[in-house]
Each structure stands twice: as C-alpha cells, then as structure tokens.
All heavy atoms as atom14 arrays in JSON, in Angstrom:
{
  "sequence": "LAVQKESVRLAFVAALQHLPPRQRAVLILRDVLRWKADEVATLLET",
  "atom14_mask": [
    [1, 1, 1, 1, 1, 1, 1, 1, 0, 0, 0, 0, 0, 0],
    [1, 1, 1, 1, 1, 0, 0, 0, 0, 0, 0, 0, 0, 0],
    [1, 1, 1, 1, 1, 1, 1, 0, 0, 0, 0, 0, 0, 0],
    [1, 1, 1, 1, 1, 1, 1, 1, 1, 0, 0, 0, 0, 0],
    [1, 1, 1, 1, 1, 1, 1, 1, 1, 0, 0, 0, 0, 0],
    [1, 1, 1, 1, 1, 1, 1, 1, 1, 0, 0, 0, 0, 0],
    [1, 1, 1, 1, 1, 1, 0, 0, 0, 0, 0, 0, 0, 0],
    [1, 1, 1, 1, 1, 1, 1, 0, 0, 0, 0, 0, 0, 0],
    [1, 1, 1, 1, 1, 1, 1, 1, 1, 1, 1, 0, 0, 0],
    [1, 1, 1, 1, 1, 1, 1, 1, 0, 0, 0, 0, 0, 0],
    [1, 1, 1, 1, 1, 0, 0, 0, 0, 0, 0, 0, 0, 0],
    [1, 1, 1, 1, 1, 1, 1, 1, 1, 1, 1, 0, 0, 0],
    [1, 1, 1, 1, 1, 1, 1, 0, 0, 0, 0, 0, 0, 0],
    [1, 1, 1, 1, 1, 0, 0, 0, 0, 0, 0, 0, 0, 0],
    [1, 1, 1, 1, 1, 0, 0, 0, 0, 0, 0, 0, 0, 0],
    [1, 1, 1, 1, 1, 1, 1, 1, 0, 0, 0, 0, 0, 0],
    [1, 1, 1, 1, 1, 1, 1, 1, 1, 0, 0, 0, 0, 0],
    [1, 1, 1, 1, 1, 1, 1, 1, 1, 1, 0, 0, 0, 0],
    [1, 1, 1, 1, 1, 1, 1, 1, 0, 0, 0, 0, 0, 0],
    [1, 1, 1, 1, 1, 1, 1, 0, 0, 0, 0, 0, 0, 0],
    [1, 1, 1, 1, 1, 1, 1, 0, 0, 0, 0, 0, 0, 0],
    [1, 1, 1, 1, 1, 1, 1, 1, 1, 1, 1, 0, 0, 0],
    [1, 1, 1, 1, 1, 1, 1, 1, 1, 0, 0, 0, 0, 0],
    [1, 1, 1, 1, 1, 1, 1, 1, 1, 1, 1, 0, 0, 0],
    [1, 1, 1, 1, 1, 0, 0, 0, 0, 0, 0, 0, 0, 0],
    [1, 1, 1, 1, 1, 1, 1, 0, 0, 0, 0, 0, 0, 0],
    [1, 1, 1, 1, 1, 1, 1, 1, 0, 0, 0, 0, 0, 0],
    [1, 1, 1, 1, 1, 1, 1, 1, 0, 0, 0, 0, 0, 0],
    [1, 1, 1, 1, 1, 1, 1, 1, 0, 0, 0, 0, 0, 0],
    [1, 1, 1, 1, 1, 1, 1, 1, 1, 1, 1, 0, 0, 0],
    [1, 1, 1, 1, 1, 1, 1, 1, 0, 0, 0, 0, 0, 0],
    [1, 1, 1, 1, 1, 1, 1, 0, 0, 0, 0, 0, 0, 0],
    [1, 1, 1, 1, 1, 1, 1, 1, 0, 0, 0, 0, 0, 0],
    [1, 1, 1, 1, 1, 1, 1, 1, 1, 1, 1, 0, 0, 0],
    [1, 1, 1, 1, 1, 1, 1, 1, 1, 1, 1, 1, 1, 1],
    [1, 1, 1, 1, 1, 1, 1, 1, 1, 0, 0, 0, 0, 0],
    [1, 1, 1, 1, 1, 0, 0, 0, 0, 0, 0, 0, 0, 0],
    [1, 1, 1, 1, 1, 1, 1, 1, 0, 0, 0, 0, 0, 0],
    [1, 1, 1, 1, 1, 1, 1, 1, 1, 0, 0, 0, 0, 0],
    [1, 1, 1, 1, 1, 1, 1, 0, 0, 0, 0, 0, 0, 0],
    [1, 1, 1, 1, 1, 0, 0, 0, 0, 0, 0, 0, 0, 0],
    [1, 1, 1, 1, 1, 1, 1, 0, 0, 0, 0, 0, 0, 0],
    [1, 1, 1, 1, 1, 1, 1, 1, 0, 0, 0, 0, 0, 0],
    [1, 1, 1, 1, 1, 1, 1, 1, 0, 0, 0, 0, 0, 0],
    [1, 1, 1, 1, 1, 1, 1, 1, 1, 0, 0, 0, 0, 0],
    [1, 1, 1, 1, 1, 1, 1, 0, 0, 0, 0, 0, 0, 0]
  ],
  "atom14_positions": [
    [[-124.01, 173.32, -143.05], [-124.13, 172.84, -144.42], [-123.89, 173.96, -145.52], [-123.3, 173.64, -146.46], [-125.57, 172.32, -144.62], [-125.94, 171.7, -145.86], [-125.03, 170.45, -146.11], [-127.42, 171.15, -145.97], [0.0, 0.0, 0.0], [0.0, 0.0, 0.0], [0.0, 0.0, 0.0], [0.0, 0.0, 0.0], [0.0, 0.0, 0.0], [0.0, 0.0, 0.0]],
    [[-124.25, 175.21, -145.18], [-123.96, 176.24, -146.01], [-122.55, 176.46, -146.24], [-121.97, 176.71, -147.31], [-124.63, 177.48, -145.52], [0.0, 0.0, 0.0], [0.0, 0.0, 0.0], [0.0, 0.0, 0.0], [0.0, 0.0, 0.0], [0.0, 0.0, 0.0], [0.0, 0.0, 0.0], [0.0, 0.0, 0.0], [0.0, 0.0, 0.0], [0.0, 0.0, 0.0]],
    [[-121.76, 176.4, -145.21], [-120.25, 176.37, -145.22], [-119.71, 175.22, -145.97], [-118.79, 175.48, -146.85], [-119.66, 176.34, -143.79], [-118.12, 176.19, -143.93], [-120.01, 177.57, -142.99], [0.0, 0.0, 0.0], [0.0, 0.0, 0.0], [0.0, 0.0, 0.0], [0.0, 0.0, 0.0], [0.0, 0.0, 0.0], [0.0, 0.0, 0.0], [0.0, 0.0, 0.0]],
    [[-120.27, 174.09, -145.88], [-119.73, 172.93, -146.65], [-120.0, 173.15, -148.16], [-119.26, 172.82, -148.97], [-120.48, 171.73, -146.19], [-120.17, 171.22, -144.75], [-118.79, 170.71, -144.59], [-118.32, 169.94, -145.5], [-118.08, 171.03, -143.56], [0.0, 0.0, 0.0], [0.0, 0.0, 0.0], [0.0, 0.0, 0.0], [0.0, 0.0, 0.0], [0.0, 0.0, 0.0]],
    [[-121.31, 173.66, -148.45], [-121.47, 173.84, -149.88], [-120.58, 174.96, -150.46], [-120.13, 174.75, -151.55], [-123.02, 174.35, -150.02], [-124.03, 173.21, -149.89], [-125.39, 173.71, -150.3], [-126.39, 172.52, -150.23], [-127.74, 173.11, -150.77], [0.0, 0.0, 0.0], [0.0, 0.0, 0.0], [0.0, 0.0, 0.0], [0.0, 0.0, 0.0], [0.0, 0.0, 0.0]],
    [[-120.33, 176.0, -149.77], [-119.4, 177.16, -150.32], [-118.1, 176.44, -150.49], [-117.42, 176.96, -151.38], [-119.48, 178.22, -149.18], [-118.48, 179.33, -149.68], [-118.82, 179.95, -150.92], [-120.12, 180.06, -151.31], [-117.96, 180.48, -151.57], [0.0, 0.0, 0.0], [0.0, 0.0, 0.0], [0.0, 0.0, 0.0], [0.0, 0.0, 0.0], [0.0, 0.0, 0.0]],
    [[-117.64, 175.58, -149.63], [-116.27, 175.08, -149.69], [-116.08, 174.11, -150.78], [-114.84, 173.66, -151.07], [-115.91, 174.44, -148.38], [-116.5, 173.34, -148.02], [0.0, 0.0, 0.0], [0.0, 0.0, 0.0], [0.0, 0.0, 0.0], [0.0, 0.0, 0.0], [0.0, 0.0, 0.0], [0.0, 0.0, 0.0], [0.0, 0.0, 0.0], [0.0, 0.0, 0.0]],
    [[-117.08, 173.67, -151.56], [-116.96, 172.81, -152.64], [-117.34, 173.49, -154.01], [-117.37, 172.74, -155.04], [-117.71, 171.49, -152.5], [-117.16, 170.66, -151.32], [-119.2, 171.64, -152.34], [0.0, 0.0, 0.0], [0.0, 0.0, 0.0], [0.0, 0.0, 0.0], [0.0, 0.0, 0.0], [0.0, 0.0, 0.0], [0.0, 0.0, 0.0], [0.0, 0.0, 0.0]],
    [[-117.6, 174.76, -153.96], [-117.87, 175.43, -155.27], [-116.64, 175.28, -156.08], [-115.55, 175.22, -155.64], [-118.05, 176.91, -154.94], [-119.39, 177.29, -154.38], [-119.53, 178.83, -154.15], [-119.26, 179.49, -155.44], [-118.22, 180.21, -155.64], [-117.36, 180.5, -154.77], [-118.07, 180.92, -156.79], [0.0, 0.0, 0.0], [0.0, 0.0, 0.0], [0.0, 0.0, 0.0]],
    [[-116.84, 175.14, -157.41], [-115.79, 174.95, -158.38], [-114.71, 175.98, -158.16], [-113.43, 175.77, -158.24], [-116.31, 174.95, -159.84], [-116.86, 173.5, -160.2], [-117.51, 173.69, -161.67], [-115.8, 172.42, -160.25], [0.0, 0.0, 0.0], [0.0, 0.0, 0.0], [0.0, 0.0, 0.0], [0.0, 0.0, 0.0], [0.0, 0.0, 0.0], [0.0, 0.0, 0.0]],
    [[-115.18, 177.27, -158.16], [-114.31, 178.4, -158.02], [-113.46, 178.39, -156.81], [-112.29, 178.71, -156.75], [-115.11, 179.79, -158.19], [0.0, 0.0, 0.0], [0.0, 0.0, 0.0], [0.0, 0.0, 0.0], [0.0, 0.0, 0.0], [0.0, 0.0, 0.0], [0.0, 0.0, 0.0], [0.0, 0.0, 0.0], [0.0, 0.0, 0.0], [0.0, 0.0, 0.0]],
    [[-114.14, 178.01, -155.59], [-113.39, 177.85, -154.43], [-112.33, 176.75, -154.53], [-111.25, 176.98, -154.04], [-114.4, 177.61, -153.25], [-113.68, 177.65, -151.9], [-113.46, 178.79, -151.3], [-113.42, 176.49, -151.3], [-112.91, 178.75, -150.03], [-112.73, 176.42, -149.98], [-112.44, 177.64, -149.41], [0.0, 0.0, 0.0], [0.0, 0.0, 0.0], [0.0, 0.0, 0.0]],
    [[-112.67, 175.63, -154.91], [-111.8, 174.48, -155.13], [-110.65, 174.82, -155.98], [-109.45, 174.5, -155.66], [-112.56, 173.23, -155.59], [-111.54, 172.1, -155.86], [-113.55, 172.81, -154.57], [0.0, 0.0, 0.0], [0.0, 0.0, 0.0], [0.0, 0.0, 0.0], [0.0, 0.0, 0.0], [0.0, 0.0, 0.0], [0.0, 0.0, 0.0], [0.0, 0.0, 0.0]],
    [[-110.91, 175.55, -157.05], [-109.84, 176.01, -158.05], [-108.97, 177.0, -157.25], [-107.71, 176.98, -157.44], [-110.41, 176.76, -159.19], [0.0, 0.0, 0.0], [0.0, 0.0, 0.0], [0.0, 0.0, 0.0], [0.0, 0.0, 0.0], [0.0, 0.0, 0.0], [0.0, 0.0, 0.0], [0.0, 0.0, 0.0], [0.0, 0.0, 0.0], [0.0, 0.0, 0.0]],
    [[-109.52, 177.79, -156.36], [-108.77, 178.81, -155.6], [-107.81, 178.1, -154.64], [-106.64, 178.46, -154.39], [-109.55, 179.82, -154.87], [0.0, 0.0, 0.0], [0.0, 0.0, 0.0], [0.0, 0.0, 0.0], [0.0, 0.0, 0.0], [0.0, 0.0, 0.0], [0.0, 0.0, 0.0], [0.0, 0.0, 0.0], [0.0, 0.0, 0.0], [0.0, 0.0, 0.0]],
    [[-108.3, 176.95, -154.0], [-107.59, 176.21, -153.11], [-106.22, 175.66, -153.69], [-105.2, 175.55, -153.09], [-108.38, 175.09, -152.54], [-109.44, 175.29, -151.47], [-110.25, 174.12, -151.23], [-108.84, 175.9, -150.19], [0.0, 0.0, 0.0], [0.0, 0.0, 0.0], [0.0, 0.0, 0.0], [0.0, 0.0, 0.0], [0.0, 0.0, 0.0], [0.0, 0.0, 0.0]],
    [[-106.35, 175.37, -154.98], [-105.2, 174.73, -155.65], [-103.94, 175.73, -155.77], [-102.91, 175.31, -156.1], [-105.62, 174.35, -157.03], [-106.8, 173.45, -157.18], [-106.81, 172.26, -156.19], [-105.95, 171.44, -156.21], [-107.86, 172.26, -155.26], [0.0, 0.0, 0.0], [0.0, 0.0, 0.0], [0.0, 0.0, 0.0], [0.0, 0.0, 0.0], [0.0, 0.0, 0.0]],
    [[-104.22, 177.06, -155.53], [-103.08, 178.01, -155.45], [-102.3, 177.88, -154.18], [-101.17, 178.44, -154.06], [-103.59, 179.36, -155.64], [-104.03, 179.66, -157.11], [-103.31, 180.21, -157.99], [-105.41, 179.67, -157.62], [-103.99, 180.45, -159.09], [-105.25, 180.0, -158.83], [0.0, 0.0, 0.0], [0.0, 0.0, 0.0], [0.0, 0.0, 0.0], [0.0, 0.0, 0.0]],
    [[-102.76, 177.24, -153.17], [-102.11, 177.08, -151.9], [-101.12, 175.85, -152.01], [-101.44, 174.83, -152.6], [-103.02, 176.77, -150.74], [-104.13, 177.88, -150.58], [-105.12, 177.49, -149.41], [-103.57, 179.24, -150.23], [0.0, 0.0, 0.0], [0.0, 0.0, 0.0], [0.0, 0.0, 0.0], [0.0, 0.0, 0.0], [0.0, 0.0, 0.0], [0.0, 0.0, 0.0]],
    [[-99.88, 176.06, -151.36], [-99.1, 174.89, -151.08], [-99.88, 173.76, -150.49], [-100.73, 174.12, -149.6], [-97.94, 175.42, -150.33], [-97.9, 176.94, -150.53], [-99.35, 177.31, -150.78], [0.0, 0.0, 0.0], [0.0, 0.0, 0.0], [0.0, 0.0, 0.0], [0.0, 0.0, 0.0], [0.0, 0.0, 0.0], [0.0, 0.0, 0.0], [0.0, 0.0, 0.0]],
    [[-99.51, 172.47, -150.74], [-100.34, 171.35, -150.13], [-100.6, 171.36, -148.59], [-101.69, 171.2, -148.23], [-99.54, 170.16, -150.57], [-98.97, 170.63, -151.85], [-98.55, 171.98, -151.7], [0.0, 0.0, 0.0], [0.0, 0.0, 0.0], [0.0, 0.0, 0.0], [0.0, 0.0, 0.0], [0.0, 0.0, 0.0], [0.0, 0.0, 0.0], [0.0, 0.0, 0.0]],
    [[-99.6, 171.75, -147.87], [-99.65, 171.71, -146.41], [-100.56, 172.84, -145.88], [-101.4, 172.77, -144.99], [-98.43, 171.69, -145.71], [-97.64, 170.27, -145.83], [-96.28, 170.34, -145.11], [-96.34, 170.46, -143.75], [-96.49, 169.35, -142.95], [-96.62, 168.11, -143.38], [-96.56, 169.53, -141.54], [0.0, 0.0, 0.0], [0.0, 0.0, 0.0], [0.0, 0.0, 0.0]],
    [[-100.39, 174.09, -146.55], [-101.31, 175.14, -146.3], [-102.74, 174.88, -146.59], [-103.66, 175.18, -145.96], [-100.87, 176.46, -147.07], [-99.66, 177.15, -146.46], [-99.34, 178.49, -147.16], [-100.29, 179.09, -147.63], [-98.11, 178.94, -147.25], [0.0, 0.0, 0.0], [0.0, 0.0, 0.0], [0.0, 0.0, 0.0], [0.0, 0.0, 0.0], [0.0, 0.0, 0.0]],
    [[-102.86, 174.11, -147.76], [-104.19, 173.73, -148.24], [-104.88, 172.81, -147.12], [-106.07, 173.03, -146.74], [-104.14, 172.92, -149.39], [-105.38, 172.99, -150.36], [-105.1, 172.12, -151.55], [-103.99, 172.66, -152.39], [-103.55, 172.15, -153.44], [-104.03, 170.97, -153.92], [-102.48, 172.75, -154.16], [0.0, 0.0, 0.0], [0.0, 0.0, 0.0], [0.0, 0.0, 0.0]],
    [[-104.11, 171.88, -146.65], [-104.61, 170.99, -145.55], [-104.97, 171.74, -144.4], [-106.07, 171.55, -143.73], [-103.63, 169.9, -145.23], [0.0, 0.0, 0.0], [0.0, 0.0, 0.0], [0.0, 0.0, 0.0], [0.0, 0.0, 0.0], [0.0, 0.0, 0.0], [0.0, 0.0, 0.0], [0.0, 0.0, 0.0], [0.0, 0.0, 0.0], [0.0, 0.0, 0.0]],
    [[-104.11, 172.73, -143.93], [-104.37, 173.43, -142.75], [-105.74, 174.3, -142.82], [-106.55, 174.27, -142.08], [-103.2, 174.4, -142.37], [-103.67, 175.44, -141.29], [-101.98, 173.59, -141.91], [0.0, 0.0, 0.0], [0.0, 0.0, 0.0], [0.0, 0.0, 0.0], [0.0, 0.0, 0.0], [0.0, 0.0, 0.0], [0.0, 0.0, 0.0], [0.0, 0.0, 0.0]],
    [[-105.89, 174.95, -144.06], [-107.0, 175.75, -144.16], [-108.28, 174.91, -144.27], [-109.41, 175.36, -143.64], [-106.95, 176.56, -145.49], [-108.02, 177.59, -145.67], [-107.51, 178.94, -146.01], [-108.96, 177.11, -146.74], [0.0, 0.0, 0.0], [0.0, 0.0, 0.0], [0.0, 0.0, 0.0], [0.0, 0.0, 0.0], [0.0, 0.0, 0.0], [0.0, 0.0, 0.0]],
    [[-108.25, 173.85, -144.89], [-109.46, 172.97, -144.98], [-109.75, 172.45, -143.62], [-111.01, 172.48, -143.13], [-109.33, 171.82, -145.96], [-109.11, 172.39, -147.39], [-110.43, 170.83, -145.91], [-108.62, 171.32, -148.28], [0.0, 0.0, 0.0], [0.0, 0.0, 0.0], [0.0, 0.0, 0.0], [0.0, 0.0, 0.0], [0.0, 0.0, 0.0], [0.0, 0.0, 0.0]],
    [[-108.79, 171.99, -142.9], [-109.08, 171.38, -141.52], [-109.64, 172.42, -140.55], [-110.46, 172.23, -139.8], [-107.83, 170.7, -140.99], [-107.46, 169.46, -141.76], [-106.0, 169.04, -141.3], [-108.37, 168.29, -141.45], [0.0, 0.0, 0.0], [0.0, 0.0, 0.0], [0.0, 0.0, 0.0], [0.0, 0.0, 0.0], [0.0, 0.0, 0.0], [0.0, 0.0, 0.0]],
    [[-109.04, 173.6, -140.62], [-109.33, 174.73, -139.67], [-110.66, 175.42, -140.0], [-111.53, 175.57, -139.21], [-108.15, 175.68, -139.54], [-106.96, 175.1, -138.84], [-107.08, 175.06, -137.28], [-106.95, 176.37, -136.75], [-107.92, 176.95, -136.03], [-109.16, 176.41, -135.91], [-107.69, 178.15, -135.49], [0.0, 0.0, 0.0], [0.0, 0.0, 0.0], [0.0, 0.0, 0.0]],
    [[-110.72, 175.85, -141.25], [-111.86, 176.78, -141.65], [-113.09, 176.06, -142.17], [-114.22, 176.57, -142.07], [-111.33, 177.75, -142.69], [-110.49, 178.89, -142.1], [-110.3, 178.84, -140.83], [-110.0, 179.87, -142.82], [0.0, 0.0, 0.0], [0.0, 0.0, 0.0], [0.0, 0.0, 0.0], [0.0, 0.0, 0.0], [0.0, 0.0, 0.0], [0.0, 0.0, 0.0]],
    [[-112.87, 174.94, -142.75], [-114.01, 174.08, -143.36], [-114.47, 173.07, -142.36], [-115.71, 173.02, -141.95], [-113.63, 173.51, -144.65], [-114.83, 172.63, -145.17], [-113.21, 174.55, -145.62], [0.0, 0.0, 0.0], [0.0, 0.0, 0.0], [0.0, 0.0, 0.0], [0.0, 0.0, 0.0], [0.0, 0.0, 0.0], [0.0, 0.0, 0.0], [0.0, 0.0, 0.0]],
    [[-113.62, 172.23, -141.78], [-113.95, 171.11, -140.96], [-113.9, 171.46, -139.49], [-114.37, 170.74, -138.62], [-113.01, 169.93, -141.24], [-113.04, 169.45, -142.63], [-112.07, 168.32, -142.88], [-114.39, 169.01, -143.04], [0.0, 0.0, 0.0], [0.0, 0.0, 0.0], [0.0, 0.0, 0.0], [0.0, 0.0, 0.0], [0.0, 0.0, 0.0], [0.0, 0.0, 0.0]],
    [[-113.46, 172.72, -139.11], [-113.5, 173.35, -137.82], [-112.68, 172.58, -136.76], [-112.98, 172.46, -135.64], [-114.92, 173.43, -137.25], [-115.98, 174.08, -138.28], [-115.53, 175.46, -138.55], [-116.55, 176.26, -139.24], [-116.49, 177.41, -139.77], [-115.35, 178.05, -139.65], [-117.49, 177.97, -140.39], [0.0, 0.0, 0.0], [0.0, 0.0, 0.0], [0.0, 0.0, 0.0]],
    [[-111.57, 172.03, -137.16], [-110.55, 171.38, -136.26], [-109.88, 172.53, -135.48], [-109.81, 173.61, -135.92], [-109.55, 170.59, -137.07], [-110.03, 169.27, -137.47], [-111.25, 168.95, -138.02], [-109.22, 168.07, -137.51], [-111.33, 167.66, -138.44], [-110.13, 167.12, -138.01], [-108.01, 167.69, -137.14], [-109.76, 165.69, -138.31], [-107.61, 166.42, -137.32], [-108.41, 165.37, -137.86]],
    [[-109.48, 172.2, -134.25], [-108.72, 173.08, -133.53], [-107.3, 173.06, -133.88], [-106.81, 172.2, -134.51], [-108.8, 172.65, -131.89], [-110.27, 172.85, -131.4], [-110.32, 172.17, -129.99], [-111.76, 172.15, -129.43], [-111.76, 171.7, -128.02], [0.0, 0.0, 0.0], [0.0, 0.0, 0.0], [0.0, 0.0, 0.0], [0.0, 0.0, 0.0], [0.0, 0.0, 0.0]],
    [[-106.62, 174.18, -133.5], [-105.2, 174.26, -134.04], [-104.35, 173.19, -133.47], [-103.46, 172.73, -134.19], [-104.67, 175.62, -133.55], [0.0, 0.0, 0.0], [0.0, 0.0, 0.0], [0.0, 0.0, 0.0], [0.0, 0.0, 0.0], [0.0, 0.0, 0.0], [0.0, 0.0, 0.0], [0.0, 0.0, 0.0], [0.0, 0.0, 0.0], [0.0, 0.0, 0.0]],
    [[-104.57, 172.76, -132.16], [-103.69, 171.71, -131.58], [-104.02, 170.41, -132.22], [-103.09, 169.54, -132.44], [-103.84, 171.7, -130.16], [-105.3, 171.36, -129.64], [-106.23, 171.69, -130.44], [-105.41, 170.79, -128.66], [0.0, 0.0, 0.0], [0.0, 0.0, 0.0], [0.0, 0.0, 0.0], [0.0, 0.0, 0.0], [0.0, 0.0, 0.0], [0.0, 0.0, 0.0]],
    [[-105.27, 170.14, -132.73], [-105.58, 168.9, -133.45], [-104.88, 168.86, -134.83], [-104.39, 167.83, -135.08], [-107.14, 168.93, -133.46], [-107.85, 168.59, -132.28], [-109.33, 168.84, -132.43], [-109.74, 169.36, -133.44], [-109.97, 168.24, -131.49], [0.0, 0.0, 0.0], [0.0, 0.0, 0.0], [0.0, 0.0, 0.0], [0.0, 0.0, 0.0], [0.0, 0.0, 0.0]],
    [[-104.86, 170.01, -135.49], [-104.17, 170.0, -136.74], [-102.67, 169.89, -136.53], [-102.04, 169.23, -137.3], [-104.57, 171.34, -137.52], [-103.78, 171.42, -138.85], [-106.01, 171.42, -137.74], [0.0, 0.0, 0.0], [0.0, 0.0, 0.0], [0.0, 0.0, 0.0], [0.0, 0.0, 0.0], [0.0, 0.0, 0.0], [0.0, 0.0, 0.0], [0.0, 0.0, 0.0]],
    [[-102.18, 170.51, -135.52], [-100.72, 170.41, -135.31], [-100.4, 168.87, -134.95], [-99.22, 168.39, -135.48], [-100.41, 171.29, -134.06], [0.0, 0.0, 0.0], [0.0, 0.0, 0.0], [0.0, 0.0, 0.0], [0.0, 0.0, 0.0], [0.0, 0.0, 0.0], [0.0, 0.0, 0.0], [0.0, 0.0, 0.0], [0.0, 0.0, 0.0], [0.0, 0.0, 0.0]],
    [[-101.15, 168.21, -134.2], [-100.93, 166.81, -133.92], [-100.92, 165.97, -135.25], [-100.11, 165.15, -135.51], [-101.91, 166.27, -132.89], [-101.82, 167.0, -131.69], [-101.69, 164.75, -132.74], [0.0, 0.0, 0.0], [0.0, 0.0, 0.0], [0.0, 0.0, 0.0], [0.0, 0.0, 0.0], [0.0, 0.0, 0.0], [0.0, 0.0, 0.0], [0.0, 0.0, 0.0]],
    [[-101.99, 166.23, -136.07], [-102.1, 165.51, -137.34], [-100.92, 165.71, -138.25], [-100.44, 164.71, -138.81], [-103.36, 165.9, -138.05], [-103.78, 165.22, -139.31], [-105.24, 164.98, -139.5], [-103.16, 165.9, -140.49], [0.0, 0.0, 0.0], [0.0, 0.0, 0.0], [0.0, 0.0, 0.0], [0.0, 0.0, 0.0], [0.0, 0.0, 0.0], [0.0, 0.0, 0.0]],
    [[-100.48, 166.99, -138.28], [-99.31, 167.24, -139.19], [-98.05, 167.16, -138.59], [-96.99, 167.48, -139.22], [-99.54, 168.79, -139.82], [-100.79, 168.93, -140.69], [-100.83, 170.39, -141.07], [-100.61, 168.11, -142.01], [0.0, 0.0, 0.0], [0.0, 0.0, 0.0], [0.0, 0.0, 0.0], [0.0, 0.0, 0.0], [0.0, 0.0, 0.0], [0.0, 0.0, 0.0]],
    [[-97.97, 166.76, -137.27], [-96.74, 166.55, -136.62], [-95.85, 167.93, -136.61], [-94.74, 167.8, -137.02], [-95.93, 165.46, -137.13], [-96.65, 164.06, -136.93], [-95.88, 162.89, -137.53], [-94.93, 163.14, -138.3], [-96.21, 161.76, -137.13], [0.0, 0.0, 0.0], [0.0, 0.0, 0.0], [0.0, 0.0, 0.0], [0.0, 0.0, 0.0], [0.0, 0.0, 0.0]],
    [[-96.58, 168.97, -136.14], [-95.92, 170.28, -136.25], [-96.44, 171.01, -135.0], [-97.14, 170.46, -134.08], [-96.2, 171.07, -137.48], [-95.38, 172.22, -137.47], [-97.69, 171.56, -137.63], [0.0, 0.0, 0.0], [0.0, 0.0, 0.0], [0.0, 0.0, 0.0], [0.0, 0.0, 0.0], [0.0, 0.0, 0.0], [0.0, 0.0, 0.0], [0.0, 0.0, 0.0]]
  ]
}
C-alpha cells in the first residue's frame, strides 16, 4: 500500500509524464504493479 501511495503522488505522476508512453507503461507495470517482464512483453507484444 505504501508503494501504491508513493506512485500516485502528484510530483511522481508529473515525473511519469516525462517518459515516452510505452516506457511509462513498462515502468508502471513492472515497478508499481509488479508484473513480470515476460507478462509485460506479452501485453505490449514485444
């Protein structure tokens, strides 16, 4: 829950906007939602 709270802070969300959209999706899925790399690869078809 602490990770989830940190990841919706206004400053953090603003920092996310500096990332290209697909990098943004990868970082959120991997570091916030804790998806595995192969799961993200399947989702993004890469």
